[in-house]
Amino acid sequence: MEEKQGVSRRSFLKNAGVIGGAVALGGITNSFLGGSPAYAAASSGPIKIGVVLPFSRAYKVIGDRVFAGLELALQQAGGQFKGRKFEIIKEDSEIKPNVALTKTKKLVERDKVDFIVGPVSSAAAAAMRNYIHQKKVPMIIPTAGNALITGKLFSPYLFRASISHWIFAHPMGYWVHDNLGKEAYVAGANYAAGQQQVWAFTMSFRGKGGKIKGAVYPPLNEKDYAPYLTKIADSGAKIYFGWFAGNDAVNFCRQADQFGLKKKMKMATTGWFFERNNLAAQKAAAEGWYCCFNWAITLDNPVNKEFVKQYNKFTKNDASLSASVSSVHGYDAGQMILKGLEGTNGDTNSDKIVKALEGLKLDSPRGSIELDAQHEMIQPMYVGKIVKSGNAYEADIFAELGRWTTPLLGANNTYSVGEPFIVK
């Protein structure tokens, strides 16, 4: 596998088997596809994969893990498909929508990539959508959870390898109401991801009769959460639910612990808040929190155990790349590329790739997953509690919430279940 822009090579795990399970390519739906770009029709030369992820700033830790998972999947295939080498071209989105779009245009128009993998930011995904749709380039989203991407903003060329904010937070709202209490205070980073997490949680929590006592929305890269934590602590609510990611999740968790919130209320969140690299920094401040996950290193299934083993070998147990949900999403994005190519016999024509991916099923480290008609992942969800394990902290998964997907949010200009909004 060839890499541009100085990306370091890692040794190919020659004896490592492909972890993903068999794929079913039936159930293909009518995608209303037009013609493909002329350059994508040729099935010779390298298979080019453009990667638009944050390799700097607050979400670098996520981008690095997504990329490591993607590399692992492609290296396990021998770094090529039927003699065509994989060439990865990395671009740093800087978690800025305008930068992500500019980098995407460069990858498509100058580098002539066959696939785009990215982004992390929900706002960046929305910014990239129209261009990807116009250029008809298959894009696999390994992180960005923007719930409207597979609804109002649906494009046949967009596929989710990760999870939507709806799937993370909506089932958690039901579980929190039934198990932790009836009154909650909510918080979220003040952009699409945080707003949608709060919205999805609120929909289910209120739907069961729960009461939201207030909400705060700190900006990205906030350093001092004291004013927000004061409001939460003084609210009288018995439950806190909120969502941040990257360094923001670390800072919020630590400062909430210093404020003694765990002594006043039950603390709840979802997925990326407790990425394993975050937990390594949050430490005891995270203990006792409840979290909705689609993957945790403690999941007890054979595919996950093998994935963690091979991933750790691949990254040489580098602590800065420790296995996380982002690693899994990147790995499954790579599996999707491979299965798409299998379905077309190596043809990178974008229309054929799209048809090959529709209806895809995989045995993922997170469990059995599949794409629905809107290219959203149907996947199992779990609830865990952060506990101390030896000298570290991890998620003790103790409940399964079933398999979830995202409803048609805003599709065809209908909003039967609401549209993301900031709770006042």
Protein backbone atom coordinates (compact mmCIF):
# COMPACT_ATOMS: atom_id res chain seq x y z
CA MET A 1 0.00 0.00 0.00
CA GLU A 2 1.44 3.33 -1.00
CA GLU A 3 1.03 6.44 1.11
CA LYS A 4 1.65 10.03 0.14
CA GLN A 5 2.67 13.05 2.21
CA GLY A 6 5.15 11.26 4.41
CA VAL A 7 2.75 8.82 6.04
CA SER A 8 4.79 6.23 7.96
CA ARG A 9 4.74 2.62 6.70
CA ARG A 10 3.86 -0.19 9.05
CA SER A 11 4.70 -3.81 8.40
CA PHE A 12 1.94 -5.85 6.83
CA LEU A 13 0.56 -8.58 9.06
CA LYS A 14 1.01 -11.29 6.47
CA ASN A 15 -0.58 -14.02 8.54
CA ALA A 16 -3.47 -11.99 9.93
CA GLY A 17 -6.81 -13.08 8.55
CA VAL A 18 -9.45 -10.57 7.51
CA ILE A 19 -11.56 -10.11 10.62
CA GLY A 20 -14.76 -8.94 8.96
CA GLY A 21 -17.38 -11.56 8.21
CA ALA A 22 -19.20 -12.46 5.02
CA VAL A 23 -21.09 -9.73 3.22
CA ALA A 24 -24.56 -10.01 1.76
CA LEU A 25 -25.01 -7.93 -1.36
CA GLY A 26 -28.70 -8.57 -1.82
CA GLY A 27 -31.51 -6.11 -1.19
CA ILE A 28 -30.12 -3.53 -3.57
CA THR A 29 -32.36 -0.48 -3.73
CA ASN A 30 -33.03 2.02 -6.49
CA SER A 31 -30.47 4.77 -5.96
CA PHE A 32 -31.46 7.13 -8.78
CA LEU A 33 -27.83 7.24 -9.85
CA GLY A 34 -26.60 9.26 -12.77
CA GLY A 35 -23.38 8.85 -14.69
CA SER A 36 -20.02 8.45 -12.99
CA PRO A 37 -16.96 10.67 -13.48
CA ALA A 38 -14.90 9.62 -16.48
CA TYR A 39 -11.75 9.18 -14.41
CA ALA A 40 -13.52 6.75 -12.03
CA ALA A 41 -14.48 4.34 -14.77
CA ALA A 42 -10.99 3.01 -15.38
CA SER A 43 -10.10 -0.10 -13.39
CA SER A 44 -6.32 -0.01 -13.68
CA GLY A 45 -3.54 1.65 -11.78
CA PRO A 46 -3.67 2.26 -8.01
CA ILE A 47 -6.93 2.43 -6.07
CA LYS A 48 -6.80 5.89 -4.55
CA ILE A 49 -8.37 6.59 -1.16
CA GLY A 50 -8.59 10.20 -0.05
CA VAL A 51 -8.69 10.62 3.73
CA VAL A 52 -10.12 13.83 5.23
CA LEU A 53 -9.63 13.63 9.00
CA PRO A 54 -8.33 15.88 11.79
CA PHE A 55 -4.61 15.24 12.15
CA SER A 56 -4.14 18.33 14.32
CA ARG A 57 -6.07 20.25 16.97
CA ALA A 58 -8.53 18.83 19.51
CA TYR A 59 -9.75 15.82 17.52
CA LYS A 60 -6.34 14.60 16.32
CA VAL A 61 -6.65 11.68 18.72
CA ILE A 62 -9.79 10.55 16.87
CA GLY A 63 -8.35 11.08 13.39
CA ASP A 64 -5.21 9.12 14.18
CA ARG A 65 -7.19 6.11 15.42
CA VAL A 66 -9.61 6.13 12.50
CA PHE A 67 -6.62 6.14 10.16
CA ALA A 68 -4.87 3.30 12.01
CA GLY A 69 -8.02 1.15 11.78
CA LEU A 70 -8.38 1.91 8.08
CA GLU A 71 -4.72 1.04 7.44
CA LEU A 72 -5.09 -2.25 9.30
CA ALA A 73 -8.02 -3.38 7.15
CA LEU A 74 -6.22 -2.51 3.90
CA GLN A 75 -2.90 -4.01 4.99
CA GLN A 76 -4.66 -7.27 5.94
CA ALA A 77 -5.84 -7.44 2.34
CA GLY A 78 -2.19 -7.27 1.24
CA GLY A 79 -2.25 -3.54 0.53
CA GLN A 80 -3.90 -4.19 -2.82
CA PHE A 81 -6.94 -5.60 -4.57
CA LYS A 82 -6.36 -7.95 -7.51
CA GLY A 83 -3.00 -6.39 -8.25
CA ARG A 84 -4.08 -2.76 -7.85
CA LYS A 85 -2.22 -1.17 -4.95
CA PHE A 86 -4.02 1.01 -2.44
CA GLU A 87 -2.73 4.56 -2.37
CA ILE A 88 -3.82 6.64 0.61
CA ILE A 89 -3.68 10.42 0.36
CA LYS A 90 -4.08 12.13 3.74
CA GLU A 91 -5.51 15.60 4.28
CA ASP A 92 -5.97 17.40 7.59
CA SER A 93 -9.50 18.77 7.97
CA GLU A 94 -8.44 20.81 11.03
CA ILE A 95 -12.08 20.20 12.17
CA LYS A 96 -13.04 23.22 10.05
CA PRO A 97 -15.91 22.75 7.55
CA ASN A 98 -14.41 25.11 4.96
CA VAL A 99 -11.00 23.44 5.19
CA ALA A 100 -12.56 19.97 4.91
CA LEU A 101 -14.42 21.01 1.75
CA THR A 102 -11.30 22.57 0.19
CA LYS A 103 -9.25 19.44 0.92
CA THR A 104 -12.02 17.25 -0.53
CA LYS A 105 -12.04 19.25 -3.76
CA LYS A 106 -8.27 18.84 -4.01
CA LEU A 107 -8.51 15.08 -3.54
CA VAL A 108 -11.23 14.69 -6.16
CA GLU A 109 -10.08 17.15 -8.81
CA ARG A 110 -6.29 16.90 -8.56
CA ASP A 111 -5.63 13.48 -7.04
CA LYS A 112 -8.57 11.73 -8.77
CA VAL A 113 -9.40 9.56 -5.76
CA ASP A 114 -11.81 6.62 -6.03
CA PHE A 115 -13.06 6.88 -2.44
CA ILE A 116 -13.23 9.51 0.29
CA VAL A 117 -12.98 8.42 3.94
CA GLY A 118 -13.99 11.11 6.44
CA PRO A 119 -14.69 13.36 8.18
CA VAL A 120 -14.88 13.48 12.01
CA SER A 121 -16.78 16.76 12.37
CA SER A 122 -20.55 16.72 11.81
CA ALA A 123 -20.39 20.26 10.46
CA ALA A 124 -17.65 19.24 8.02
CA ALA A 125 -19.76 16.30 6.80
CA ALA A 126 -22.62 18.66 6.00
CA ALA A 127 -20.23 21.04 4.21
CA MET A 128 -18.81 18.22 2.06
CA ARG A 129 -22.15 16.62 1.20
CA ASN A 130 -23.25 18.67 -1.82
CA TYR A 131 -19.85 18.49 -3.49
CA ILE A 132 -19.60 14.72 -3.01
CA HIS A 133 -23.12 14.29 -4.34
CA GLN A 134 -22.37 16.45 -7.39
CA LYS A 135 -19.09 14.67 -8.19
CA LYS A 136 -20.52 11.19 -7.47
CA VAL A 137 -17.58 10.01 -5.37
CA PRO A 138 -18.32 7.28 -2.80
CA MET A 139 -17.68 8.71 0.67
CA ILE A 140 -17.54 6.50 3.77
CA ILE A 141 -18.04 8.41 7.02
CA PRO A 142 -16.02 6.87 9.87
CA THR A 143 -17.03 9.26 12.64
CA ALA A 144 -19.23 12.28 11.89
CA GLY A 145 -22.59 11.52 13.50
CA ASN A 146 -24.68 14.25 11.83
CA ALA A 147 -28.14 12.65 11.99
CA LEU A 148 -29.40 14.46 8.89
CA ILE A 149 -26.70 13.01 6.61
CA THR A 150 -28.81 9.89 6.13
CA GLY A 151 -32.10 11.81 6.20
CA LYS A 152 -32.63 15.31 4.86
CA LEU A 153 -29.09 15.37 3.43
CA PHE A 154 -29.14 11.83 2.05
CA SER A 155 -27.04 11.13 -1.01
CA PRO A 156 -26.58 7.70 -2.62
CA TYR A 157 -22.83 8.36 -2.50
CA LEU A 158 -22.65 8.75 1.30
CA PHE A 159 -22.29 5.73 3.59
CA ARG A 160 -21.99 5.65 7.37
CA ALA A 161 -19.39 3.30 8.85
CA SER A 162 -19.80 4.77 12.31
CA ILE A 163 -22.88 5.94 14.16
CA SER A 164 -25.29 8.86 14.22
CA HIS A 165 -25.81 11.08 17.23
CA TRP A 166 -29.39 9.85 17.25
CA ILE A 167 -28.37 6.20 17.71
CA PHE A 168 -26.00 7.11 20.53
CA ALA A 169 -28.28 9.36 22.53
CA HIS A 170 -31.88 8.35 21.79
CA PRO A 171 -31.77 4.85 23.32
CA MET A 172 -29.84 6.31 26.26
CA GLY A 173 -32.75 8.66 26.99
CA TYR A 174 -35.07 5.68 27.48
CA TRP A 175 -32.56 3.81 29.61
CA VAL A 176 -31.73 6.81 31.82
CA HIS A 177 -35.42 7.51 32.49
CA ASP A 178 -36.13 3.90 33.44
CA ASN A 179 -32.99 3.34 35.51
CA LEU A 180 -31.57 6.61 36.85
CA GLY A 181 -34.43 9.07 37.38
CA LYS A 182 -37.00 11.45 35.93
CA GLU A 183 -35.31 14.89 36.03
CA ALA A 184 -32.18 15.76 34.08
CA TYR A 185 -29.96 18.68 33.20
CA VAL A 186 -28.39 18.49 29.74
CA ALA A 187 -25.26 19.91 28.10
CA GLY A 188 -23.47 19.66 24.79
CA ALA A 189 -20.62 21.18 22.84
CA ASN A 190 -22.14 24.07 20.91
CA TYR A 191 -22.07 22.67 17.38
CA ALA A 192 -24.02 20.08 15.39
CA ALA A 193 -22.74 17.05 17.32
CA GLY A 194 -23.45 18.35 20.81
CA GLN A 195 -26.79 19.84 19.81
CA GLN A 196 -27.97 16.63 18.13
CA GLN A 197 -26.91 14.46 21.06
CA VAL A 198 -28.92 16.61 23.47
CA TRP A 199 -31.86 16.71 21.08
CA ALA A 200 -31.96 12.93 20.57
CA PHE A 201 -31.66 12.25 24.31
CA THR A 202 -34.33 14.81 25.10
CA MET A 203 -36.77 13.33 22.58
CA SER A 204 -36.79 9.93 24.29
CA PHE A 205 -36.37 11.15 27.88
CA ARG A 206 -39.27 13.60 27.61
CA GLY A 207 -41.26 11.08 25.62
CA LYS A 208 -41.32 8.82 28.66
CA GLY A 209 -42.41 11.68 30.90
CA GLY A 210 -39.02 12.92 32.03
CA LYS A 211 -38.33 16.59 32.73
CA ILE A 212 -35.39 18.63 31.44
CA LYS A 213 -34.51 21.21 34.08
CA GLY A 214 -32.11 23.20 31.92
CA ALA A 215 -29.38 23.14 29.29
CA VAL A 216 -25.97 24.68 28.60
CA TYR A 217 -23.90 24.66 25.41
CA PRO A 218 -20.21 25.53 25.96
CA PRO A 219 -18.17 26.35 22.84
CA LEU A 220 -15.60 24.00 21.34
CA ASN A 221 -12.17 24.13 23.00
CA GLU A 222 -13.58 25.65 26.20
CA LYS A 223 -10.98 25.66 28.95
CA ASP A 224 -13.04 26.84 31.94
CA TYR A 225 -16.36 25.04 32.50
CA ALA A 226 -16.97 26.61 35.94
CA PRO A 227 -19.89 28.87 34.87
CA TYR A 228 -21.67 25.93 33.22
CA LEU A 229 -20.95 23.50 36.05
CA THR A 230 -22.34 26.00 38.56
CA LYS A 231 -25.66 26.07 36.69
CA ILE A 232 -25.76 22.29 36.54
CA ALA A 233 -24.90 21.88 40.23
CA ASP A 234 -27.49 24.46 41.32
CA SER A 235 -30.31 23.06 39.15
CA GLY A 236 -31.52 20.47 41.62
CA ALA A 237 -31.60 17.83 38.87
CA LYS A 238 -30.76 14.29 39.90
CA ILE A 239 -29.28 13.34 36.51
CA TYR A 240 -26.76 14.95 34.21
CA PHE A 241 -26.60 14.01 30.53
CA GLY A 242 -24.18 15.70 28.17
CA TRP A 243 -21.77 15.17 25.32
CA PHE A 244 -18.29 16.42 24.47
CA ALA A 245 -15.40 14.78 22.64
CA GLY A 246 -11.60 14.89 22.51
CA ASN A 247 -9.84 17.26 24.89
CA ASP A 248 -13.17 18.92 25.73
CA ALA A 249 -14.45 15.62 27.15
CA VAL A 250 -11.31 15.27 29.26
CA ASN A 251 -11.53 18.82 30.62
CA PHE A 252 -15.26 18.69 31.31
CA CYS A 253 -15.01 15.33 33.10
CA ARG A 254 -12.12 16.48 35.31
CA GLN A 255 -13.71 19.80 36.19
CA ALA A 256 -17.10 18.17 36.89
CA ASP A 257 -15.32 15.87 39.34
CA GLN A 258 -13.65 18.84 41.02
CA PHE A 259 -17.11 20.40 41.43
CA GLY A 260 -18.31 17.23 43.12
CA LEU A 261 -21.14 16.61 40.63
CA LYS A 262 -20.96 12.83 41.09
CA LYS A 263 -21.98 13.35 44.73
CA LYS A 264 -25.05 15.33 43.69
CA MET A 265 -26.32 13.52 40.59
CA LYS A 266 -25.97 10.50 38.33
CA MET A 267 -23.67 11.25 35.39
CA ALA A 268 -24.48 9.96 31.89
CA THR A 269 -23.07 10.42 28.38
CA THR A 270 -22.39 8.52 25.15
CA GLY A 271 -19.58 6.95 23.15
CA TRP A 272 -16.83 9.35 22.18
CA PHE A 273 -16.84 11.04 25.59
CA PHE A 274 -15.05 7.96 26.87
CA GLU A 275 -12.70 7.12 24.02
CA ARG A 276 -9.97 4.97 25.59
CA ASN A 277 -7.40 7.74 25.19
CA ASN A 278 -9.79 10.05 27.04
CA LEU A 279 -10.20 7.54 29.85
CA ALA A 280 -6.44 7.35 30.23
CA ALA A 281 -6.48 11.09 30.98
CA GLN A 282 -9.81 11.28 32.86
CA LYS A 283 -8.87 8.42 35.23
CA ALA A 284 -10.76 8.49 38.55
CA ALA A 285 -12.84 11.48 37.44
CA ALA A 286 -14.67 9.14 35.03
CA GLU A 287 -15.41 6.41 37.58
CA GLY A 288 -19.13 5.86 38.11
CA TRP A 289 -20.33 7.54 34.92
CA TYR A 290 -22.86 5.70 32.74
CA CYS A 291 -22.37 5.65 28.99
CA CYS A 292 -24.13 4.35 25.88
CA PHE A 293 -21.65 2.55 23.60
CA ASN A 294 -21.66 0.82 20.23
CA TRP A 295 -18.24 -0.67 21.07
CA ALA A 296 -15.96 -1.14 24.06
CA ILE A 297 -12.72 -3.06 24.38
CA THR A 298 -14.45 -5.23 27.00
CA LEU A 299 -17.10 -6.54 24.56
CA ASP A 300 -16.91 -10.31 24.86
CA ASN A 301 -17.15 -11.65 21.32
CA PRO A 302 -14.57 -13.52 19.18
CA VAL A 303 -14.39 -10.89 16.44
CA ASN A 304 -13.65 -8.14 18.93
CA LYS A 305 -10.99 -10.15 20.71
CA GLU A 306 -9.22 -10.91 17.44
CA PHE A 307 -9.52 -7.31 16.27
CA VAL A 308 -7.95 -5.95 19.48
CA LYS A 309 -5.13 -8.51 19.25
CA GLN A 310 -4.31 -7.69 15.62
CA TYR A 311 -4.75 -3.93 16.08
CA ASN A 312 -2.34 -3.89 19.02
CA LYS A 313 0.23 -5.81 16.96
CA PHE A 314 -0.26 -3.47 14.03
CA THR A 315 0.23 -0.33 16.10
CA LYS A 316 3.02 -1.95 18.15
CA ASN A 317 1.01 -1.24 21.31
CA ASP A 318 1.52 2.49 20.79
CA ALA A 319 -0.42 4.11 23.66
CA SER A 320 -1.17 7.15 21.50
CA LEU A 321 -3.09 4.86 19.11
CA SER A 322 -4.72 2.52 21.65
CA ALA A 323 -7.74 0.64 20.33
CA SER A 324 -10.93 2.70 20.54
CA VAL A 325 -14.34 3.05 18.94
CA SER A 326 -12.70 5.32 16.35
CA SER A 327 -10.26 2.54 15.50
CA VAL A 328 -13.21 0.20 14.95
CA HIS A 329 -15.02 2.72 12.74
CA GLY A 330 -11.90 3.20 10.64
CA TYR A 331 -11.41 -0.55 10.39
CA ASP A 332 -15.01 -1.08 9.27
CA ALA A 333 -14.64 1.73 6.72
CA GLY A 334 -11.73 -0.25 5.27
CA GLN A 335 -13.82 -3.42 5.30
CA MET A 336 -16.55 -1.56 3.41
CA ILE A 337 -14.10 -0.48 0.71
CA LEU A 338 -12.89 -4.07 0.34
CA LYS A 339 -16.39 -5.50 0.19
CA GLY A 340 -17.43 -2.88 -2.34
CA LEU A 341 -14.49 -3.86 -4.55
CA GLU A 342 -15.37 -7.54 -4.14
CA GLY A 343 -18.89 -6.75 -5.31
CA THR A 344 -17.60 -5.04 -8.46
CA ASN A 345 -14.72 -7.47 -9.09
CA GLY A 346 -12.32 -4.57 -8.59
CA ASP A 347 -14.08 -2.03 -10.78
CA THR A 348 -13.91 1.42 -9.15
CA ASN A 349 -16.76 2.88 -11.21
CA SER A 350 -18.64 4.83 -8.55
CA ASP A 351 -22.14 3.71 -9.57
CA LYS A 352 -21.08 0.07 -9.36
CA ILE A 353 -19.41 0.62 -5.99
CA VAL A 354 -22.58 2.23 -4.62
CA LYS A 355 -24.72 -0.68 -5.75
CA ALA A 356 -22.26 -3.17 -4.30
CA LEU A 357 -22.33 -1.47 -0.91
CA GLU A 358 -26.10 -1.21 -0.61
CA GLY A 359 -27.43 -3.90 1.68
CA LEU A 360 -23.93 -4.68 3.00
CA LYS A 361 -23.56 -6.79 6.15
CA LEU A 362 -20.44 -7.26 8.27
CA ASP A 363 -19.36 -9.06 11.41
CA SER A 364 -17.78 -6.11 13.16
CA PRO A 365 -15.90 -5.99 16.47
CA ARG A 366 -19.03 -4.22 17.76
CA GLY A 367 -21.31 -7.08 16.66
CA SER A 368 -23.39 -7.79 13.57
CA ILE A 369 -23.92 -4.61 11.53
CA GLU A 370 -25.59 -3.77 8.23
CA LEU A 371 -26.52 -0.80 6.07
CA ASP A 372 -30.16 0.20 5.83
CA ALA A 373 -31.80 1.77 2.77
CA GLN A 374 -30.52 5.23 3.76
CA HIS A 375 -26.91 3.93 4.07
CA GLU A 376 -27.12 4.23 7.86
CA MET A 377 -25.62 1.54 10.07
CA ILE A 378 -27.98 -0.80 11.91
CA GLN A 379 -25.99 -1.86 14.95
CA PRO A 380 -26.20 -3.07 18.54
CA MET A 381 -26.09 -0.59 21.41
CA TYR A 382 -24.85 -1.19 24.94
CA VAL A 383 -24.79 0.55 28.32
CA GLY A 384 -21.70 0.45 30.48
CA LYS A 385 -20.41 1.96 33.69
CA ILE A 386 -16.86 3.24 34.04
CA VAL A 387 -15.01 1.19 36.65
CA LYS A 388 -11.45 0.81 37.87
CA SER A 389 -9.65 -2.21 36.45
CA GLY A 390 -6.17 -2.68 37.89
CA ASN A 391 -4.38 0.61 37.42
CA ALA A 392 -6.66 1.73 34.57
CA TYR A 393 -10.33 2.53 33.94
CA GLU A 394 -12.65 0.82 31.49
CA ALA A 395 -16.30 0.36 30.56
CA ASP A 396 -18.09 -2.47 32.31
CA ILE A 397 -20.79 -3.35 29.74
CA PHE A 398 -23.81 -4.61 31.66
CA ALA A 399 -26.84 -4.02 29.41
CA GLU A 400 -27.74 -4.51 25.74
CA LEU A 401 -30.27 -2.10 24.27
CA GLY A 402 -30.93 -3.99 21.04
CA ARG A 403 -30.16 -2.99 17.45
CA TRP A 404 -30.77 0.60 16.36
CA THR A 405 -30.72 2.77 13.27
CA THR A 406 -31.59 6.40 12.56
CA PRO A 407 -35.10 7.42 11.45
CA LEU A 408 -35.65 9.45 8.30
CA LEU A 409 -34.89 12.76 9.94
CA GLY A 410 -36.01 15.57 7.70
CA ALA A 411 -36.31 13.31 4.63
CA ASN A 412 -38.59 14.67 1.91
CA ASN A 413 -39.11 17.83 3.98
CA THR A 414 -41.00 15.96 6.72
CA TYR A 415 -40.12 16.23 10.39
CA SER A 416 -42.29 13.65 12.08
CA VAL A 417 -39.78 13.15 14.88
CA GLY A 418 -38.47 16.69 15.00
CA GLU A 419 -35.38 18.42 13.73
CA PRO A 420 -32.24 19.15 15.78
CA PHE A 421 -32.74 22.13 18.03
CA ILE A 422 -31.12 23.69 21.05
CA VAL A 423 -33.13 22.99 24.18
CA LYS A 424 -33.83 26.21 26.03
